[in-house]
Amino acid sequence: PLAIITYGSYANGTNNQNSDYDALLIVSDGEKQHDCSVVDGIVLDIF
């Protein structure tokens, strides 16, 4: 990515065990995508 902006509970420190990791990525080209992978047990909600 050219940029990563995280927001939501992980950004403001209110996350708990059920929280997703929210972030917006800017990339150089391609199509808009959504990533809901799991990393280290944390569900991603990445645009």
All heavy atoms as atom14 arrays in JSON, in Angstrom:
{
  "sequence": "PLAIITYGSYANGTNNQNSDYDALLIVSDGEKQHDCSVVDGIVLDIF",
  "atom14_mask": [
    [1, 1, 1, 1, 1, 1, 1, 0, 0, 0, 0, 0, 0, 0],
    [1, 1, 1, 1, 1, 1, 1, 1, 0, 0, 0, 0, 0, 0],
    [1, 1, 1, 1, 1, 0, 0, 0, 0, 0, 0, 0, 0, 0],
    [1, 1, 1, 1, 1, 1, 1, 1, 0, 0, 0, 0, 0, 0],
    [1, 1, 1, 1, 1, 1, 1, 1, 0, 0, 0, 0, 0, 0],
    [1, 1, 1, 1, 1, 1, 1, 0, 0, 0, 0, 0, 0, 0],
    [1, 1, 1, 1, 1, 1, 1, 1, 1, 1, 1, 1, 0, 0],
    [1, 1, 1, 1, 0, 0, 0, 0, 0, 0, 0, 0, 0, 0],
    [1, 1, 1, 1, 1, 1, 0, 0, 0, 0, 0, 0, 0, 0],
    [1, 1, 1, 1, 1, 1, 1, 1, 1, 1, 1, 1, 0, 0],
    [1, 1, 1, 1, 1, 0, 0, 0, 0, 0, 0, 0, 0, 0],
    [1, 1, 1, 1, 1, 1, 1, 1, 0, 0, 0, 0, 0, 0],
    [1, 1, 1, 1, 0, 0, 0, 0, 0, 0, 0, 0, 0, 0],
    [1, 1, 1, 1, 1, 1, 1, 0, 0, 0, 0, 0, 0, 0],
    [1, 1, 1, 1, 1, 1, 1, 1, 0, 0, 0, 0, 0, 0],
    [1, 1, 1, 1, 1, 1, 1, 1, 0, 0, 0, 0, 0, 0],
    [1, 1, 1, 1, 1, 1, 1, 1, 1, 0, 0, 0, 0, 0],
    [1, 1, 1, 1, 1, 1, 1, 1, 0, 0, 0, 0, 0, 0],
    [1, 1, 1, 1, 1, 1, 0, 0, 0, 0, 0, 0, 0, 0],
    [1, 1, 1, 1, 1, 1, 1, 1, 0, 0, 0, 0, 0, 0],
    [1, 1, 1, 1, 1, 1, 1, 1, 1, 1, 1, 1, 0, 0],
    [1, 1, 1, 1, 1, 1, 1, 1, 0, 0, 0, 0, 0, 0],
    [1, 1, 1, 1, 1, 0, 0, 0, 0, 0, 0, 0, 0, 0],
    [1, 1, 1, 1, 1, 1, 1, 1, 0, 0, 0, 0, 0, 0],
    [1, 1, 1, 1, 1, 1, 1, 1, 0, 0, 0, 0, 0, 0],
    [1, 1, 1, 1, 1, 1, 1, 1, 0, 0, 0, 0, 0, 0],
    [1, 1, 1, 1, 1, 1, 1, 0, 0, 0, 0, 0, 0, 0],
    [1, 1, 1, 1, 1, 1, 0, 0, 0, 0, 0, 0, 0, 0],
    [1, 1, 1, 1, 1, 1, 1, 1, 0, 0, 0, 0, 0, 0],
    [1, 1, 1, 1, 0, 0, 0, 0, 0, 0, 0, 0, 0, 0],
    [1, 1, 1, 1, 1, 1, 1, 1, 1, 0, 0, 0, 0, 0],
    [1, 1, 1, 1, 1, 1, 1, 1, 1, 0, 0, 0, 0, 0],
    [1, 1, 1, 1, 1, 1, 1, 1, 1, 0, 0, 0, 0, 0],
    [1, 1, 1, 1, 1, 1, 1, 1, 1, 1, 0, 0, 0, 0],
    [1, 1, 1, 1, 1, 1, 1, 1, 0, 0, 0, 0, 0, 0],
    [1, 1, 1, 1, 1, 1, 0, 0, 0, 0, 0, 0, 0, 0],
    [1, 1, 1, 1, 1, 1, 0, 0, 0, 0, 0, 0, 0, 0],
    [1, 1, 1, 1, 1, 1, 1, 0, 0, 0, 0, 0, 0, 0],
    [1, 1, 1, 1, 1, 1, 1, 0, 0, 0, 0, 0, 0, 0],
    [1, 1, 1, 1, 1, 1, 1, 1, 0, 0, 0, 0, 0, 0],
    [1, 1, 1, 1, 0, 0, 0, 0, 0, 0, 0, 0, 0, 0],
    [1, 1, 1, 1, 1, 1, 1, 1, 0, 0, 0, 0, 0, 0],
    [1, 1, 1, 1, 1, 1, 1, 0, 0, 0, 0, 0, 0, 0],
    [1, 1, 1, 1, 1, 1, 1, 1, 0, 0, 0, 0, 0, 0],
    [1, 1, 1, 1, 1, 1, 1, 1, 0, 0, 0, 0, 0, 0],
    [1, 1, 1, 1, 1, 1, 1, 1, 0, 0, 0, 0, 0, 0],
    [1, 1, 1, 1, 1, 1, 1, 1, 1, 1, 1, 0, 0, 0]
  ],
  "atom14_positions": [
    [[0.8, -1.23, 0.0], [0.0, 0.0, 0.0], [0.84, 1.28, 0.0], [1.97, 1.31, 0.49], [-0.79, -0.12, 1.31], [0.1, -0.92, 2.21], [0.77, -1.91, 1.31], [0.0, 0.0, 0.0], [0.0, 0.0, 0.0], [0.0, 0.0, 0.0], [0.0, 0.0, 0.0], [0.0, 0.0, 0.0], [0.0, 0.0, 0.0], [0.0, 0.0, 0.0]],
    [[0.24, 2.32, -0.55], [0.81, 3.67, -0.44], [0.49, 4.25, 0.93], [1.26, 5.05, 1.45], [0.24, 4.57, -1.54], [0.43, 4.13, -2.99], [-0.34, 5.06, -3.92], [1.92, 4.11, -3.34], [0.0, 0.0, 0.0], [0.0, 0.0, 0.0], [0.0, 0.0, 0.0], [0.0, 0.0, 0.0], [0.0, 0.0, 0.0], [0.0, 0.0, 0.0]],
    [[-0.66, 3.85, 1.48], [-1.09, 4.38, 2.77], [-1.93, 3.35, 3.51], [-2.66, 2.57, 2.89], [-1.88, 5.67, 2.6], [0.0, 0.0, 0.0], [0.0, 0.0, 0.0], [0.0, 0.0, 0.0], [0.0, 0.0, 0.0], [0.0, 0.0, 0.0], [0.0, 0.0, 0.0], [0.0, 0.0, 0.0], [0.0, 0.0, 0.0], [0.0, 0.0, 0.0]],
    [[-1.82, 3.36, 4.83], [-2.66, 2.54, 5.71], [-3.23, 3.47, 6.77], [-2.48, 4.14, 7.49], [-1.88, 1.41, 6.39], [-1.27, 0.46, 5.37], [-2.79, 0.65, 7.36], [-0.38, -0.62, 6.0], [0.0, 0.0, 0.0], [0.0, 0.0, 0.0], [0.0, 0.0, 0.0], [0.0, 0.0, 0.0], [0.0, 0.0, 0.0], [0.0, 0.0, 0.0]],
    [[-4.56, 3.51, 6.85], [-5.23, 4.29, 7.9], [-6.1, 3.32, 8.7], [-7.05, 2.74, 8.17], [-6.12, 5.4, 7.31], [-5.31, 6.29, 6.37], [-6.75, 6.22, 8.43], [-6.15, 7.34, 5.65], [0.0, 0.0, 0.0], [0.0, 0.0, 0.0], [0.0, 0.0, 0.0], [0.0, 0.0, 0.0], [0.0, 0.0, 0.0], [0.0, 0.0, 0.0]],
    [[-5.76, 3.13, 9.95], [-6.57, 2.26, 10.81], [-7.56, 3.12, 11.6], [-7.26, 4.26, 11.96], [-5.68, 1.44, 11.76], [-6.5, 0.55, 12.52], [-4.92, 2.33, 12.72], [0.0, 0.0, 0.0], [0.0, 0.0, 0.0], [0.0, 0.0, 0.0], [0.0, 0.0, 0.0], [0.0, 0.0, 0.0], [0.0, 0.0, 0.0], [0.0, 0.0, 0.0]],
    [[-8.74, 2.57, 11.83], [-9.79, 3.32, 12.54], [-10.61, 2.34, 13.36], [-10.39, 1.13, 13.32], [-10.68, 4.09, 11.55], [-11.32, 3.23, 10.49], [-12.57, 2.65, 10.68], [-10.68, 2.98, 9.28], [-13.16, 1.85, 9.71], [-11.25, 2.18, 8.3], [-12.49, 1.62, 8.52], [-13.07, 0.82, 7.56], [0.0, 0.0, 0.0], [0.0, 0.0, 0.0]],
    [[-11.54, 2.87, 14.13], [-12.36, 1.99, 14.96], [-11.7, 1.65, 16.27], [-10.81, 2.36, 16.77], [0.0, 0.0, 0.0], [0.0, 0.0, 0.0], [0.0, 0.0, 0.0], [0.0, 0.0, 0.0], [0.0, 0.0, 0.0], [0.0, 0.0, 0.0], [0.0, 0.0, 0.0], [0.0, 0.0, 0.0], [0.0, 0.0, 0.0], [0.0, 0.0, 0.0]],
    [[-12.1, 0.52, 16.85], [-11.7, 0.19, 18.21], [-10.2, -0.03, 18.39], [-9.63, 0.32, 19.42], [-12.46, -1.05, 18.69], [-12.21, -2.16, 17.86], [0.0, 0.0, 0.0], [0.0, 0.0, 0.0], [0.0, 0.0, 0.0], [0.0, 0.0, 0.0], [0.0, 0.0, 0.0], [0.0, 0.0, 0.0], [0.0, 0.0, 0.0], [0.0, 0.0, 0.0]],
    [[-9.54, -0.61, 17.38], [-8.1, -0.83, 17.53], [-7.33, 0.48, 17.42], [-6.22, 0.6, 17.94], [-7.6, -1.83, 16.5], [-7.82, -3.26, 16.92], [-8.83, -4.03, 16.35], [-7.03, -3.85, 17.9], [-9.05, -5.35, 16.75], [-7.23, -5.16, 18.31], [-8.25, -5.9, 17.73], [-8.45, -7.2, 18.12], [0.0, 0.0, 0.0], [0.0, 0.0, 0.0]],
    [[-7.91, 1.46, 16.77], [-7.25, 2.76, 16.65], [-7.41, 3.58, 17.92], [-6.5, 4.32, 18.31], [-7.81, 3.53, 15.46], [0.0, 0.0, 0.0], [0.0, 0.0, 0.0], [0.0, 0.0, 0.0], [0.0, 0.0, 0.0], [0.0, 0.0, 0.0], [0.0, 0.0, 0.0], [0.0, 0.0, 0.0], [0.0, 0.0, 0.0], [0.0, 0.0, 0.0]],
    [[-8.57, 3.45, 18.6], [-8.79, 4.28, 19.79], [-8.61, 3.52, 21.11], [-8.87, 4.05, 22.18], [-10.17, 4.94, 19.74], [-11.32, 3.94, 19.68], [-11.25, 2.86, 20.26], [-12.4, 4.31, 18.99], [0.0, 0.0, 0.0], [0.0, 0.0, 0.0], [0.0, 0.0, 0.0], [0.0, 0.0, 0.0], [0.0, 0.0, 0.0], [0.0, 0.0, 0.0]],
    [[-8.21, 2.25, 21.02], [-7.89, 1.5, 22.23], [-9.07, 0.9, 22.94], [-8.93, 0.46, 24.1], [0.0, 0.0, 0.0], [0.0, 0.0, 0.0], [0.0, 0.0, 0.0], [0.0, 0.0, 0.0], [0.0, 0.0, 0.0], [0.0, 0.0, 0.0], [0.0, 0.0, 0.0], [0.0, 0.0, 0.0], [0.0, 0.0, 0.0], [0.0, 0.0, 0.0]],
    [[-10.24, 0.82, 22.3], [-11.42, 0.24, 22.95], [-11.69, -1.19, 22.48], [-12.77, -1.72, 22.75], [-12.67, 1.11, 22.68], [-12.92, 1.16, 21.27], [-12.47, 2.52, 23.22], [0.0, 0.0, 0.0], [0.0, 0.0, 0.0], [0.0, 0.0, 0.0], [0.0, 0.0, 0.0], [0.0, 0.0, 0.0], [0.0, 0.0, 0.0], [0.0, 0.0, 0.0]],
    [[-10.76, -1.78, 21.78], [-10.95, -3.12, 21.25], [-11.05, -4.17, 22.35], [-10.51, -4.01, 23.45], [-9.79, -3.48, 20.31], [-8.44, -3.37, 21.0], [-7.97, -2.26, 21.26], [-7.81, -4.49, 21.27], [0.0, 0.0, 0.0], [0.0, 0.0, 0.0], [0.0, 0.0, 0.0], [0.0, 0.0, 0.0], [0.0, 0.0, 0.0], [0.0, 0.0, 0.0]],
    [[-11.77, -5.25, 22.04], [-11.85, -6.39, 22.94], [-11.67, -7.66, 22.11], [-11.33, -7.6, 20.93], [-13.18, -6.39, 23.7], [-14.39, -6.33, 22.78], [-14.44, -7.03, 21.77], [-15.36, -5.51, 23.13], [0.0, 0.0, 0.0], [0.0, 0.0, 0.0], [0.0, 0.0, 0.0], [0.0, 0.0, 0.0], [0.0, 0.0, 0.0], [0.0, 0.0, 0.0]],
    [[-11.94, -8.8, 22.71], [-11.68, -10.06, 22.03], [-12.56, -10.28, 20.8], [-12.27, -11.13, 19.96], [-11.87, -11.23, 23.0], [-13.28, -11.36, 23.56], [-13.41, -12.52, 24.53], [-12.48, -13.27, 24.73], [-14.59, -12.66, 25.13], [0.0, 0.0, 0.0], [0.0, 0.0, 0.0], [0.0, 0.0, 0.0], [0.0, 0.0, 0.0], [0.0, 0.0, 0.0]],
    [[-13.65, -9.55, 20.7], [-14.56, -9.71, 19.56], [-14.4, -8.63, 18.5], [-15.16, -8.61, 17.53], [-16.01, -9.72, 20.06], [-16.3, -10.86, 21.0], [-15.9, -11.99, 20.75], [-16.97, -10.58, 22.11], [0.0, 0.0, 0.0], [0.0, 0.0, 0.0], [0.0, 0.0, 0.0], [0.0, 0.0, 0.0], [0.0, 0.0, 0.0], [0.0, 0.0, 0.0]],
    [[-13.44, -7.76, 18.68], [-13.28, -6.63, 17.77], [-12.6, -7.03, 16.46], [-11.68, -7.85, 16.46], [-12.46, -5.52, 18.44], [-13.12, -5.01, 19.57], [0.0, 0.0, 0.0], [0.0, 0.0, 0.0], [0.0, 0.0, 0.0], [0.0, 0.0, 0.0], [0.0, 0.0, 0.0], [0.0, 0.0, 0.0], [0.0, 0.0, 0.0], [0.0, 0.0, 0.0]],
    [[-13.07, -6.43, 15.38], [-12.38, -6.54, 14.1], [-11.28, -5.48, 14.04], [-11.34, -4.47, 14.76], [-13.34, -6.3, 12.94], [-14.4, -7.39, 12.82], [-14.2, -8.46, 13.43], [-15.39, -7.15, 12.13], [0.0, 0.0, 0.0], [0.0, 0.0, 0.0], [0.0, 0.0, 0.0], [0.0, 0.0, 0.0], [0.0, 0.0, 0.0], [0.0, 0.0, 0.0]],
    [[-10.33, -5.71, 13.16], [-9.31, -4.7, 12.89], [-9.72, -3.96, 11.63], [-9.74, -4.53, 10.53], [-7.93, -5.34, 12.71], [-6.84, -4.34, 12.44], [-6.18, -3.7, 13.49], [-6.46, -4.02, 11.13], [-5.17, -2.76, 13.24], [-5.47, -3.09, 10.88], [-4.84, -2.47, 11.94], [-3.85, -1.54, 11.7], [0.0, 0.0, 0.0], [0.0, 0.0, 0.0]],
    [[-10.09, -2.69, 11.79], [-10.59, -1.89, 10.68], [-9.48, -1.02, 10.11], [-8.76, -0.34, 10.86], [-11.73, -0.98, 11.15], [-12.86, -1.76, 11.79], [-13.51, -2.53, 11.07], [-13.08, -1.6, 13.01], [0.0, 0.0, 0.0], [0.0, 0.0, 0.0], [0.0, 0.0, 0.0], [0.0, 0.0, 0.0], [0.0, 0.0, 0.0], [0.0, 0.0, 0.0]],
    [[-9.37, -0.99, 8.8], [-8.39, -0.12, 8.17], [-8.77, 0.15, 6.72], [-9.51, -0.62, 6.09], [-6.99, -0.73, 8.23], [0.0, 0.0, 0.0], [0.0, 0.0, 0.0], [0.0, 0.0, 0.0], [0.0, 0.0, 0.0], [0.0, 0.0, 0.0], [0.0, 0.0, 0.0], [0.0, 0.0, 0.0], [0.0, 0.0, 0.0], [0.0, 0.0, 0.0]],
    [[-8.27, 1.26, 6.22], [-8.41, 1.62, 4.82], [-7.02, 1.68, 4.22], [-6.12, 2.32, 4.79], [-9.12, 2.97, 4.68], [-9.38, 3.48, 3.27], [-10.68, 4.28, 3.23], [-8.23, 4.35, 2.75], [0.0, 0.0, 0.0], [0.0, 0.0, 0.0], [0.0, 0.0, 0.0], [0.0, 0.0, 0.0], [0.0, 0.0, 0.0], [0.0, 0.0, 0.0]],
    [[-6.85, 1.01, 3.1], [-5.57, 1.02, 2.4], [-5.72, 1.74, 1.07], [-6.76, 1.63, 0.4], [-5.09, -0.41, 2.11], [-4.25, -1.12, 3.18], [-5.01, -1.24, 4.49], [-3.81, -2.49, 2.68], [0.0, 0.0, 0.0], [0.0, 0.0, 0.0], [0.0, 0.0, 0.0], [0.0, 0.0, 0.0], [0.0, 0.0, 0.0], [0.0, 0.0, 0.0]],
    [[-4.71, 2.47, 0.7], [-4.64, 3.09, -0.62], [-3.5, 2.41, -1.37], [-2.38, 2.32, -0.86], [-4.38, 4.6, -0.53], [-5.5, 5.29, 0.27], [-4.29, 5.22, -1.93], [-5.24, 6.76, 0.54], [0.0, 0.0, 0.0], [0.0, 0.0, 0.0], [0.0, 0.0, 0.0], [0.0, 0.0, 0.0], [0.0, 0.0, 0.0], [0.0, 0.0, 0.0]],
    [[-3.81, 1.9, -2.56], [-2.81, 1.23, -3.38], [-2.67, 1.99, -4.69], [-3.52, 2.82, -5.05], [-3.16, -0.25, -3.63], [-3.16, -1.02, -2.32], [-4.53, -0.37, -4.3], [0.0, 0.0, 0.0], [0.0, 0.0, 0.0], [0.0, 0.0, 0.0], [0.0, 0.0, 0.0], [0.0, 0.0, 0.0], [0.0, 0.0, 0.0], [0.0, 0.0, 0.0]],
    [[-1.62, 1.7, -5.43], [-1.32, 2.49, -6.63], [-2.34, 2.28, -7.76], [-2.69, 3.22, -8.47], [0.09, 2.16, -7.14], [0.2, 0.77, -7.41], [0.0, 0.0, 0.0], [0.0, 0.0, 0.0], [0.0, 0.0, 0.0], [0.0, 0.0, 0.0], [0.0, 0.0, 0.0], [0.0, 0.0, 0.0], [0.0, 0.0, 0.0], [0.0, 0.0, 0.0]],
    [[-2.82, 1.05, -7.94], [-3.78, 0.79, -9.01], [-4.58, -0.47, -8.69], [-4.46, -1.04, -7.61], [-3.07, 0.65, -10.36], [-1.96, -0.4, -10.32], [-2.02, -1.32, -9.48], [-1.01, -0.28, -11.11], [0.0, 0.0, 0.0], [0.0, 0.0, 0.0], [0.0, 0.0, 0.0], [0.0, 0.0, 0.0], [0.0, 0.0, 0.0], [0.0, 0.0, 0.0]],
    [[-5.4, -0.89, -9.65], [-6.23, -2.07, -9.44], [-7.67, -1.71, -9.16], [-8.12, -0.6, -9.45], [0.0, 0.0, 0.0], [0.0, 0.0, 0.0], [0.0, 0.0, 0.0], [0.0, 0.0, 0.0], [0.0, 0.0, 0.0], [0.0, 0.0, 0.0], [0.0, 0.0, 0.0], [0.0, 0.0, 0.0], [0.0, 0.0, 0.0], [0.0, 0.0, 0.0]],
    [[-8.41, -2.64, -8.57], [-9.82, -2.45, -8.25], [-10.01, -2.36, -6.73], [-9.17, -2.81, -5.96], [-10.65, -3.64, -8.78], [-10.57, -3.83, -10.28], [-11.2, -2.7, -11.06], [-12.18, -2.12, -10.53], [-10.72, -2.4, -12.17], [0.0, 0.0, 0.0], [0.0, 0.0, 0.0], [0.0, 0.0, 0.0], [0.0, 0.0, 0.0], [0.0, 0.0, 0.0]],
    [[-11.13, -1.79, -6.34], [-11.48, -1.75, -4.93], [-11.66, -3.18, -4.42], [-12.26, -4.02, -5.09], [-12.76, -0.95, -4.71], [-13.23, -0.92, -3.25], [-14.55, -0.18, -3.12], [-15.09, -0.27, -1.7], [-16.4, 0.4, -1.53], [0.0, 0.0, 0.0], [0.0, 0.0, 0.0], [0.0, 0.0, 0.0], [0.0, 0.0, 0.0], [0.0, 0.0, 0.0]],
    [[-11.13, -3.47, -3.23], [-11.22, -4.81, -2.65], [-11.62, -4.73, -1.18], [-11.51, -3.67, -0.55], [-9.86, -5.52, -2.74], [-9.3, -5.68, -4.14], [-7.94, -6.35, -4.11], [-7.8, -7.49, -3.67], [-6.92, -5.64, -4.57], [0.0, 0.0, 0.0], [0.0, 0.0, 0.0], [0.0, 0.0, 0.0], [0.0, 0.0, 0.0], [0.0, 0.0, 0.0]],
    [[-12.03, -5.87, -0.66], [-12.34, -5.99, 0.77], [-11.69, -7.26, 1.29], [-11.87, -8.33, 0.73], [-13.84, -6.04, 1.01], [-14.21, -6.14, 2.45], [-15.07, -7.11, 2.95], [-13.82, -5.42, 3.54], [-15.21, -6.95, 4.25], [-14.46, -5.94, 4.64], [0.0, 0.0, 0.0], [0.0, 0.0, 0.0], [0.0, 0.0, 0.0], [0.0, 0.0, 0.0]],
    [[-10.9, -7.14, 2.35], [-10.18, -8.27, 2.92], [-10.73, -8.56, 4.32], [-10.67, -7.7, 5.21], [-8.68, -7.95, 3.0], [-7.83, -9.16, 3.39], [-8.35, -10.07, 4.03], [-6.63, -9.16, 3.05], [0.0, 0.0, 0.0], [0.0, 0.0, 0.0], [0.0, 0.0, 0.0], [0.0, 0.0, 0.0], [0.0, 0.0, 0.0], [0.0, 0.0, 0.0]],
    [[-11.26, -9.75, 4.52], [-11.78, -10.15, 5.83], [-11.01, -11.37, 6.35], [-11.58, -12.25, 6.99], [-13.27, -10.41, 5.79], [-13.8, -11.59, 4.54], [0.0, 0.0, 0.0], [0.0, 0.0, 0.0], [0.0, 0.0, 0.0], [0.0, 0.0, 0.0], [0.0, 0.0, 0.0], [0.0, 0.0, 0.0], [0.0, 0.0, 0.0], [0.0, 0.0, 0.0]],
    [[-9.72, -11.41, 6.04], [-8.87, -12.51, 6.5], [-8.73, -12.48, 8.02], [-9.12, -11.51, 8.69], [-7.49, -12.41, 5.86], [-7.55, -12.44, 4.45], [0.0, 0.0, 0.0], [0.0, 0.0, 0.0], [0.0, 0.0, 0.0], [0.0, 0.0, 0.0], [0.0, 0.0, 0.0], [0.0, 0.0, 0.0], [0.0, 0.0, 0.0], [0.0, 0.0, 0.0]],
    [[-8.15, -13.55, 8.56], [-7.87, -13.63, 10.0], [-6.36, -13.7, 10.18], [-5.69, -14.55, 9.6], [-8.54, -14.86, 10.62], [-8.2, -14.96, 12.11], [-10.06, -14.82, 10.43], [0.0, 0.0, 0.0], [0.0, 0.0, 0.0], [0.0, 0.0, 0.0], [0.0, 0.0, 0.0], [0.0, 0.0, 0.0], [0.0, 0.0, 0.0], [0.0, 0.0, 0.0]],
    [[-5.82, -12.79, 10.98], [-4.39, -12.76, 11.27], [-4.21, -12.87, 12.78], [-4.72, -12.02, 13.52], [-3.73, -11.48, 10.74], [-2.26, -11.43, 11.14], [-3.86, -11.38, 9.22], [0.0, 0.0, 0.0], [0.0, 0.0, 0.0], [0.0, 0.0, 0.0], [0.0, 0.0, 0.0], [0.0, 0.0, 0.0], [0.0, 0.0, 0.0], [0.0, 0.0, 0.0]],
    [[-3.53, -13.9, 13.22], [-3.3, -14.11, 14.65], [-4.61, -14.12, 15.44], [-4.69, -13.58, 16.56], [-2.35, -13.05, 15.22], [-0.93, -13.21, 14.72], [-0.58, -14.32, 14.28], [-0.17, -12.23, 14.76], [0.0, 0.0, 0.0], [0.0, 0.0, 0.0], [0.0, 0.0, 0.0], [0.0, 0.0, 0.0], [0.0, 0.0, 0.0], [0.0, 0.0, 0.0]],
    [[-5.65, -14.69, 14.84], [-6.93, -14.79, 15.52], [-7.77, -13.52, 15.46], [-8.87, -13.49, 16.01], [0.0, 0.0, 0.0], [0.0, 0.0, 0.0], [0.0, 0.0, 0.0], [0.0, 0.0, 0.0], [0.0, 0.0, 0.0], [0.0, 0.0, 0.0], [0.0, 0.0, 0.0], [0.0, 0.0, 0.0], [0.0, 0.0, 0.0], [0.0, 0.0, 0.0]],
    [[-7.28, -12.49, 14.8], [-8.0, -11.22, 14.7], [-8.61, -11.1, 13.32], [-7.92, -11.22, 12.3], [-7.06, -10.03, 14.97], [-6.49, -10.12, 16.39], [-7.8, -8.71, 14.78], [-5.37, -9.17, 16.67], [0.0, 0.0, 0.0], [0.0, 0.0, 0.0], [0.0, 0.0, 0.0], [0.0, 0.0, 0.0], [0.0, 0.0, 0.0], [0.0, 0.0, 0.0]],
    [[-9.92, -10.87, 13.28], [-10.61, -10.74, 12.0], [-10.35, -9.36, 11.42], [-10.51, -8.34, 12.1], [-12.13, -10.95, 12.17], [-12.85, -10.78, 10.84], [-12.41, -12.34, 12.76], [0.0, 0.0, 0.0], [0.0, 0.0, 0.0], [0.0, 0.0, 0.0], [0.0, 0.0, 0.0], [0.0, 0.0, 0.0], [0.0, 0.0, 0.0], [0.0, 0.0, 0.0]],
    [[-9.94, -9.32, 10.17], [-9.68, -8.05, 9.5], [-10.94, -7.55, 8.8], [-11.76, -8.33, 8.32], [-8.57, -8.21, 8.47], [-7.24, -8.81, 8.94], [-6.22, -8.77, 7.81], [-6.71, -8.08, 10.18], [0.0, 0.0, 0.0], [0.0, 0.0, 0.0], [0.0, 0.0, 0.0], [0.0, 0.0, 0.0], [0.0, 0.0, 0.0], [0.0, 0.0, 0.0]],
    [[-11.08, -6.25, 8.76], [-12.14, -5.59, 7.98], [-11.45, -4.46, 7.23], [-11.47, -3.3, 7.64], [-13.23, -5.07, 8.92], [-14.47, -4.62, 8.16], [-14.55, -4.86, 6.94], [-15.36, -4.0, 8.78], [0.0, 0.0, 0.0], [0.0, 0.0, 0.0], [0.0, 0.0, 0.0], [0.0, 0.0, 0.0], [0.0, 0.0, 0.0], [0.0, 0.0, 0.0]],
    [[-10.82, -4.82, 6.13], [-9.92, -3.93, 5.41], [-10.51, -3.56, 4.06], [-10.88, -4.44, 3.27], [-8.54, -4.58, 5.18], [-7.99, -5.17, 6.48], [-7.57, -3.57, 4.57], [-7.68, -4.17, 7.56], [0.0, 0.0, 0.0], [0.0, 0.0, 0.0], [0.0, 0.0, 0.0], [0.0, 0.0, 0.0], [0.0, 0.0, 0.0], [0.0, 0.0, 0.0]],
    [[-10.58, -2.27, 3.77], [-11.03, -1.8, 2.47], [-9.83, -1.25, 1.72], [-9.1, -0.4, 2.23], [-12.11, -0.73, 2.63], [-13.41, -1.28, 3.15], [-13.65, -1.35, 4.51], [-14.37, -1.77, 2.28], [-14.84, -1.88, 5.0], [-15.56, -2.31, 2.75], [-15.8, -2.36, 4.11], [0.0, 0.0, 0.0], [0.0, 0.0, 0.0], [0.0, 0.0, 0.0]]
  ]
}
